[in-house]
ModelCIF file with pLDDT and N, C-alpha, C, O atoms, coordinates in Angstrom:
data_MODEL
#
_entry.id   MODEL 
#
_entity.id                         1 
_entity.type                       polymer 
_entity.pdbx_number_of_molecules   1 
#
_entity_poly.entity_id                      1 
_entity_poly.type                           'polypeptide(L)' 
_entity_poly.nstd_linkage                   no 
_entity_poly.nstd_monomer                   no 
_entity_poly.pdbx_seq_one_letter_code       ISRDNAENTVSLQMNSLKPEDTAVYYCSAN 
_entity_poly.pdbx_seq_one_letter_code_can   ISRDNAENTVSLQMNSLKPEDTAVYYCSAN 
_entity_poly.pdbx_strand_id                 A 
#
loop_
_entity_poly_seq.entity_id 
_entity_poly_seq.num 
_entity_poly_seq.mon_id 
_entity_poly_seq.hetero 
1 1  ILE n 
1 2  SER n 
1 3  ARG n 
1 4  ASP n 
1 5  ASN n 
1 6  ALA n 
1 7  GLU n 
1 8  ASN n 
1 9  THR n 
1 10 VAL n 
1 11 SER n 
1 12 LEU n 
1 13 GLN n 
1 14 MET n 
1 15 ASN n 
1 16 SER n 
1 17 LEU n 
1 18 LYS n 
1 19 PRO n 
1 20 GLU n 
1 21 ASP n 
1 22 THR n 
1 23 ALA n 
1 24 VAL n 
1 25 TYR n 
1 26 TYR n 
1 27 CYS n 
1 28 SER n 
1 29 ALA n 
1 30 ASN n 
#
_struct_asym.id          A 
_struct_asym.entity_id   1 
#
loop_
_ma_qa_metric.id 
_ma_qa_metric.mode 
_ma_qa_metric.name 
_ma_qa_metric.software_group_id 
_ma_qa_metric.type 
1 global pLDDT . pLDDT 
2 local  pLDDT . pLDDT 
#
_ma_qa_metric_global.metric_id      1 
_ma_qa_metric_global.metric_value   96.73 
_ma_qa_metric_global.model_id       1 
_ma_qa_metric_global.ordinal_id     1 
#
loop_
_ma_qa_metric_local.label_asym_id 
_ma_qa_metric_local.label_comp_id 
_ma_qa_metric_local.label_seq_id 
_ma_qa_metric_local.metric_id 
_ma_qa_metric_local.metric_value 
_ma_qa_metric_local.model_id 
_ma_qa_metric_local.ordinal_id 
A ILE 1  2 98.00 1 1  
A SER 2  2 97.00 1 2  
A ARG 3  2 96.00 1 3  
A ASP 4  2 94.00 1 4  
A ASN 5  2 90.00 1 5  
A ALA 6  2 91.00 1 6  
A GLU 7  2 92.00 1 7  
A ASN 8  2 94.00 1 8  
A THR 9  2 96.00 1 9  
A VAL 10 2 97.00 1 10 
A SER 11 2 98.00 1 11 
A LEU 12 2 98.00 1 12 
A GLN 13 2 98.00 1 13 
A MET 14 2 98.00 1 14 
A ASN 15 2 98.00 1 15 
A SER 16 2 98.00 1 16 
A LEU 17 2 98.00 1 17 
A LYS 18 2 98.00 1 18 
A PRO 19 2 98.00 1 19 
A GLU 20 2 97.00 1 20 
A ASP 21 2 98.00 1 21 
A THR 22 2 98.00 1 22 
A ALA 23 2 98.00 1 23 
A VAL 24 2 98.00 1 24 
A TYR 25 2 98.00 1 25 
A TYR 26 2 98.00 1 26 
A CYS 27 2 98.00 1 27 
A SER 28 2 98.00 1 28 
A ALA 29 2 97.00 1 29 
A ASN 30 2 97.00 1 30 
#
loop_
_atom_site.group_PDB 
_atom_site.id 
_atom_site.type_symbol 
_atom_site.label_atom_id 
_atom_site.label_alt_id 
_atom_site.label_comp_id 
_atom_site.label_asym_id 
_atom_site.label_entity_id 
_atom_site.label_seq_id 
_atom_site.pdbx_PDB_ins_code 
_atom_site.Cartn_x 
_atom_site.Cartn_y 
_atom_site.Cartn_z 
_atom_site.occupancy 
_atom_site.B_iso_or_equiv 
_atom_site.pdbx_formal_charge 
_atom_site.auth_seq_id 
_atom_site.auth_comp_id 
_atom_site.auth_asym_id 
_atom_site.auth_atom_id 
_atom_site.pdbx_PDB_model_num 
ATOM 1   N N  . ILE A 1 1  ? 0.845   -1.183  0.000  1.00 98.00 ? 1  ILE A N  1 
ATOM 2   C CA . ILE A 1 1  ? 0.000   0.000   0.000  1.00 98.00 ? 1  ILE A CA 1 
ATOM 3   C C  . ILE A 1 1  ? 0.887   1.242   0.000  1.00 98.00 ? 1  ILE A C  1 
ATOM 4   O O  . ILE A 1 1  ? 1.940   1.264   0.636  1.00 98.00 ? 1  ILE A O  1 
ATOM 5   N N  . SER A 1 2  ? 0.454   2.261   -0.711 1.00 97.00 ? 2  SER A N  1 
ATOM 6   C CA . SER A 1 2  ? 1.189   3.515   -0.751 1.00 97.00 ? 2  SER A CA 1 
ATOM 7   C C  . SER A 1 2  ? 0.206   4.658   -0.927 1.00 97.00 ? 2  SER A C  1 
ATOM 8   O O  . SER A 1 2  ? -0.940  4.446   -1.321 1.00 97.00 ? 2  SER A O  1 
ATOM 9   N N  . ARG A 1 3  ? 0.656   5.863   -0.634 1.00 96.00 ? 3  ARG A N  1 
ATOM 10  C CA . ARG A 1 3  ? -0.203  7.024   -0.813 1.00 96.00 ? 3  ARG A CA 1 
ATOM 11  C C  . ARG A 1 3  ? 0.603   8.199   -1.338 1.00 96.00 ? 3  ARG A C  1 
ATOM 12  O O  . ARG A 1 3  ? 1.805   8.312   -1.098 1.00 96.00 ? 3  ARG A O  1 
ATOM 13  N N  . ASP A 1 4  ? -0.085  9.066   -2.056 1.00 94.00 ? 4  ASP A N  1 
ATOM 14  C CA . ASP A 1 4  ? 0.493   10.300  -2.561 1.00 94.00 ? 4  ASP A CA 1 
ATOM 15  C C  . ASP A 1 4  ? -0.342  11.420  -1.968 1.00 94.00 ? 4  ASP A C  1 
ATOM 16  O O  . ASP A 1 4  ? -1.442  11.705  -2.443 1.00 94.00 ? 4  ASP A O  1 
ATOM 17  N N  . ASN A 1 5  ? 0.178   12.047  -0.938 1.00 90.00 ? 5  ASN A N  1 
ATOM 18  C CA . ASN A 1 5  ? -0.594  13.065  -0.233 1.00 90.00 ? 5  ASN A CA 1 
ATOM 19  C C  . ASN A 1 5  ? -0.888  14.292  -1.096 1.00 90.00 ? 5  ASN A C  1 
ATOM 20  O O  . ASN A 1 5  ? -1.925  14.935  -0.934 1.00 90.00 ? 5  ASN A O  1 
ATOM 21  N N  . ALA A 1 6  ? 0.022   14.612  -2.010 1.00 91.00 ? 6  ALA A N  1 
ATOM 22  C CA . ALA A 1 6  ? -0.186  15.760  -2.880 1.00 91.00 ? 6  ALA A CA 1 
ATOM 23  C C  . ALA A 1 6  ? -1.334  15.519  -3.851 1.00 91.00 ? 6  ALA A C  1 
ATOM 24  O O  . ALA A 1 6  ? -2.020  16.461  -4.249 1.00 91.00 ? 6  ALA A O  1 
ATOM 25  N N  . GLU A 1 7  ? -1.546  14.259  -4.235 1.00 92.00 ? 7  GLU A N  1 
ATOM 26  C CA . GLU A 1 7  ? -2.585  13.923  -5.202 1.00 92.00 ? 7  GLU A CA 1 
ATOM 27  C C  . GLU A 1 7  ? -3.836  13.348  -4.552 1.00 92.00 ? 7  GLU A C  1 
ATOM 28  O O  . GLU A 1 7  ? -4.811  13.057  -5.245 1.00 92.00 ? 7  GLU A O  1 
ATOM 29  N N  . ASN A 1 8  ? -3.826  13.179  -3.238 1.00 94.00 ? 8  ASN A N  1 
ATOM 30  C CA . ASN A 1 8  ? -4.957  12.602  -2.509 1.00 94.00 ? 8  ASN A CA 1 
ATOM 31  C C  . ASN A 1 8  ? -5.310  11.204  -3.032 1.00 94.00 ? 8  ASN A C  1 
ATOM 32  O O  . ASN A 1 8  ? -6.480  10.879  -3.231 1.00 94.00 ? 8  ASN A O  1 
ATOM 33  N N  . THR A 1 9  ? -4.287  10.398  -3.246 1.00 96.00 ? 9  THR A N  1 
ATOM 34  C CA . THR A 1 9  ? -4.511  9.050   -3.743 1.00 96.00 ? 9  THR A CA 1 
ATOM 35  C C  . THR A 1 9  ? -3.884  8.014   -2.821 1.00 96.00 ? 9  THR A C  1 
ATOM 36  O O  . THR A 1 9  ? -2.925  8.291   -2.101 1.00 96.00 ? 9  THR A O  1 
ATOM 37  N N  . VAL A 1 10 ? -4.446  6.827   -2.863 1.00 97.00 ? 10 VAL A N  1 
ATOM 38  C CA . VAL A 1 10 ? -3.873  5.668   -2.204 1.00 97.00 ? 10 VAL A CA 1 
ATOM 39  C C  . VAL A 1 10 ? -3.925  4.527   -3.205 1.00 97.00 ? 10 VAL A C  1 
ATOM 40  O O  . VAL A 1 10 ? -4.904  4.374   -3.936 1.00 97.00 ? 10 VAL A O  1 
ATOM 41  N N  . SER A 1 11 ? -2.868  3.728   -3.235 1.00 98.00 ? 11 SER A N  1 
ATOM 42  C CA . SER A 1 11 ? -2.780  2.639   -4.190 1.00 98.00 ? 11 SER A CA 1 
ATOM 43  C C  . SER A 1 11 ? -2.486  1.331   -3.481 1.00 98.00 ? 11 SER A C  1 
ATOM 44  O O  . SER A 1 11 ? -1.977  1.311   -2.360 1.00 98.00 ? 11 SER A O  1 
ATOM 45  N N  . LEU A 1 12 ? -2.812  0.249   -4.148 1.00 98.00 ? 12 LEU A N  1 
ATOM 46  C CA . LEU A 1 12 ? -2.513  -1.084  -3.645 1.00 98.00 ? 12 LEU A CA 1 
ATOM 47  C C  . LEU A 1 12 ? -1.923  -1.892  -4.780 1.00 98.00 ? 12 LEU A C  1 
ATOM 48  O O  . LEU A 1 12 ? -2.628  -2.275  -5.713 1.00 98.00 ? 12 LEU A O  1 
ATOM 49  N N  . GLN A 1 13 ? -0.626  -2.153  -4.698 1.00 98.00 ? 13 GLN A N  1 
ATOM 50  C CA . GLN A 1 13 ? 0.044   -3.001  -5.666 1.00 98.00 ? 13 GLN A CA 1 
ATOM 51  C C  . GLN A 1 13 ? -0.108  -4.443  -5.208 1.00 98.00 ? 13 GLN A C  1 
ATOM 52  O O  . GLN A 1 13 ? 0.319   -4.798  -4.109 1.00 98.00 ? 13 GLN A O  1 
ATOM 53  N N  . MET A 1 14 ? -0.713  -5.271  -6.047 1.00 98.00 ? 14 MET A N  1 
ATOM 54  C CA . MET A 1 14 ? -0.994  -6.651  -5.702 1.00 98.00 ? 14 MET A CA 1 
ATOM 55  C C  . MET A 1 14 ? -0.206  -7.568  -6.631 1.00 98.00 ? 14 MET A C  1 
ATOM 56  O O  . MET A 1 14 ? -0.445  -7.596  -7.838 1.00 98.00 ? 14 MET A O  1 
ATOM 57  N N  . ASN A 1 15 ? 0.723   -8.306  -6.065 1.00 98.00 ? 15 ASN A N  1 
ATOM 58  C CA . ASN A 1 15 ? 1.543   -9.243  -6.818 1.00 98.00 ? 15 ASN A CA 1 
ATOM 59  C C  . ASN A 1 15 ? 1.256   -10.673 -6.369 1.00 98.00 ? 15 ASN A C  1 
ATOM 60  O O  . ASN A 1 15 ? 0.665   -10.904 -5.314 1.00 98.00 ? 15 ASN A O  1 
ATOM 61  N N  . SER A 1 16 ? 1.683   -11.619 -7.186 1.00 98.00 ? 16 SER A N  1 
ATOM 62  C CA . SER A 1 16 ? 1.511   -13.042 -6.877 1.00 98.00 ? 16 SER A CA 1 
ATOM 63  C C  . SER A 1 16 ? 0.083   -13.352 -6.459 1.00 98.00 ? 16 SER A C  1 
ATOM 64  O O  . SER A 1 16 ? -0.151  -14.008 -5.445 1.00 98.00 ? 16 SER A O  1 
ATOM 65  N N  . LEU A 1 17 ? -0.855  -12.878 -7.241 1.00 98.00 ? 17 LEU A N  1 
ATOM 66  C CA . LEU A 1 17 ? -2.265  -13.017 -6.889 1.00 98.00 ? 17 LEU A CA 1 
ATOM 67  C C  . LEU A 1 17 ? -2.712  -14.469 -6.886 1.00 98.00 ? 17 LEU A C  1 
ATOM 68  O O  . LEU A 1 17 ? -2.267  -15.282 -7.697 1.00 98.00 ? 17 LEU A O  1 
ATOM 69  N N  . LYS A 1 18 ? -3.600  -14.770 -5.957 1.00 98.00 ? 18 LYS A N  1 
ATOM 70  C CA . LYS A 1 18 ? -4.142  -16.103 -5.769 1.00 98.00 ? 18 LYS A CA 1 
ATOM 71  C C  . LYS A 1 18 ? -5.654  -16.069 -5.957 1.00 98.00 ? 18 LYS A C  1 
ATOM 72  O O  . LYS A 1 18 ? -6.271  -15.017 -5.791 1.00 98.00 ? 18 LYS A O  1 
ATOM 73  N N  . PRO A 1 19 ? -6.258  -17.203 -6.300 1.00 98.00 ? 19 PRO A N  1 
ATOM 74  C CA . PRO A 1 19 ? -7.717  -17.226 -6.436 1.00 98.00 ? 19 PRO A CA 1 
ATOM 75  C C  . PRO A 1 19 ? -8.439  -16.734 -5.181 1.00 98.00 ? 19 PRO A C  1 
ATOM 76  O O  . PRO A 1 19 ? -9.504  -16.125 -5.285 1.00 98.00 ? 19 PRO A O  1 
ATOM 77  N N  . GLU A 1 20 ? -7.883  -16.985 -4.012 1.00 97.00 ? 20 GLU A N  1 
ATOM 78  C CA . GLU A 1 20 ? -8.512  -16.548 -2.778 1.00 97.00 ? 20 GLU A CA 1 
ATOM 79  C C  . GLU A 1 20 ? -8.459  -15.038 -2.574 1.00 97.00 ? 20 GLU A C  1 
ATOM 80  O O  . GLU A 1 20 ? -9.076  -14.520 -1.642 1.00 97.00 ? 20 GLU A O  1 
ATOM 81  N N  . ASP A 1 21 ? -7.729  -14.324 -3.433 1.00 98.00 ? 21 ASP A N  1 
ATOM 82  C CA . ASP A 1 21 ? -7.736  -12.865 -3.400 1.00 98.00 ? 21 ASP A CA 1 
ATOM 83  C C  . ASP A 1 21 ? -8.958  -12.284 -4.114 1.00 98.00 ? 21 ASP A C  1 
ATOM 84  O O  . ASP A 1 21 ? -9.201  -11.079 -4.043 1.00 98.00 ? 21 ASP A O  1 
ATOM 85  N N  . THR A 1 22 ? -9.716  -13.122 -4.791 1.00 98.00 ? 22 THR A N  1 
ATOM 86  C CA . THR A 1 22 ? -10.896 -12.662 -5.511 1.00 98.00 ? 22 THR A CA 1 
ATOM 87  C C  . THR A 1 22 ? -11.896 -12.036 -4.551 1.00 98.00 ? 22 THR A C  1 
ATOM 88  O O  . THR A 1 22 ? -12.308 -12.665 -3.576 1.00 98.00 ? 22 THR A O  1 
ATOM 89  N N  . ALA A 1 23 ? -12.280 -10.806 -4.827 1.00 98.00 ? 23 ALA A N  1 
ATOM 90  C CA . ALA A 1 23 ? -13.189 -10.069 -3.956 1.00 98.00 ? 23 ALA A CA 1 
ATOM 91  C C  . ALA A 1 23 ? -13.474 -8.708  -4.573 1.00 98.00 ? 23 ALA A C  1 
ATOM 92  O O  . ALA A 1 23 ? -12.843 -8.303  -5.549 1.00 98.00 ? 23 ALA A O  1 
ATOM 93  N N  . VAL A 1 24 ? -14.434 -8.018  -3.985 1.00 98.00 ? 24 VAL A N  1 
ATOM 94  C CA . VAL A 1 24 ? -14.611 -6.607  -4.269 1.00 98.00 ? 24 VAL A CA 1 
ATOM 95  C C  . VAL A 1 24 ? -13.720 -5.843  -3.305 1.00 98.00 ? 24 VAL A C  1 
ATOM 96  O O  . VAL A 1 24 ? -13.793 -6.041  -2.093 1.00 98.00 ? 24 VAL A O  1 
ATOM 97  N N  . TYR A 1 25 ? -12.885 -4.978  -3.841 1.00 98.00 ? 25 TYR A N  1 
ATOM 98  C CA . TYR A 1 25 ? -11.949 -4.209  -3.035 1.00 98.00 ? 25 TYR A CA 1 
ATOM 99  C C  . TYR A 1 25 ? -12.471 -2.786  -2.867 1.00 98.00 ? 25 TYR A C  1 
ATOM 100 O O  . TYR A 1 25 ? -12.857 -2.134  -3.837 1.00 98.00 ? 25 TYR A O  1 
ATOM 101 N N  . TYR A 1 26 ? -12.477 -2.317  -1.624 1.00 98.00 ? 26 TYR A N  1 
ATOM 102 C CA . TYR A 1 26 ? -12.998 -1.006  -1.290 1.00 98.00 ? 26 TYR A CA 1 
ATOM 103 C C  . TYR A 1 26 ? -11.909 -0.117  -0.708 1.00 98.00 ? 26 TYR A C  1 
ATOM 104 O O  . TYR A 1 26 ? -11.111 -0.548  0.124  1.00 98.00 ? 26 TYR A O  1 
ATOM 105 N N  . CYS A 1 27 ? -11.891 1.106   -1.152 1.00 98.00 ? 27 CYS A N  1 
ATOM 106 C CA . CYS A 1 27 ? -11.022 2.119   -0.587 1.00 98.00 ? 27 CYS A CA 1 
ATOM 107 C C  . CYS A 1 27 ? -11.743 2.819   0.553  1.00 98.00 ? 27 CYS A C  1 
ATOM 108 O O  . CYS A 1 27 ? -12.944 3.074   0.463  1.00 98.00 ? 27 CYS A O  1 
ATOM 109 N N  . SER A 1 28 ? -11.029 3.128   1.613  1.00 98.00 ? 28 SER A N  1 
ATOM 110 C CA . SER A 1 28 ? -11.600 3.833   2.743  1.00 98.00 ? 28 SER A CA 1 
ATOM 111 C C  . SER A 1 28 ? -10.633 4.907   3.223  1.00 98.00 ? 28 SER A C  1 
ATOM 112 O O  . SER A 1 28 ? -9.415  4.754   3.131  1.00 98.00 ? 28 SER A O  1 
ATOM 113 N N  . ALA A 1 29 ? -11.194 5.990   3.735  1.00 97.00 ? 29 ALA A N  1 
ATOM 114 C CA . ALA A 1 29 ? -10.357 7.068   4.247  1.00 97.00 ? 29 ALA A CA 1 
ATOM 115 C C  . ALA A 1 29 ? -11.058 7.780   5.383  1.00 97.00 ? 29 ALA A C  1 
ATOM 116 O O  . ALA A 1 29 ? -12.265 8.018   5.336  1.00 97.00 ? 29 ALA A O  1 
ATOM 117 N N  . ASN A 1 30 ? -10.295 8.114   6.399  1.00 97.00 ? 30 ASN A N  1 
ATOM 118 C CA . ASN A 1 30 ? -10.767 8.976   7.474  1.00 97.00 ? 30 ASN A CA 1 
ATOM 119 C C  . ASN A 1 30 ? -10.334 10.385  7.119  1.00 97.00 ? 30 ASN A C  1 
ATOM 120 O O  . ASN A 1 30 ? -10.608 11.322  7.869  1.00 97.00 ? 30 ASN A O  1 
#
């Protein structure tokens, strides 16, 4: 996980993906 505070973004780099990673992914922020 990483974030760019200047751009107000957060990213998730996902490598070596497995079938059990299958899901709906949601971003959240306080």
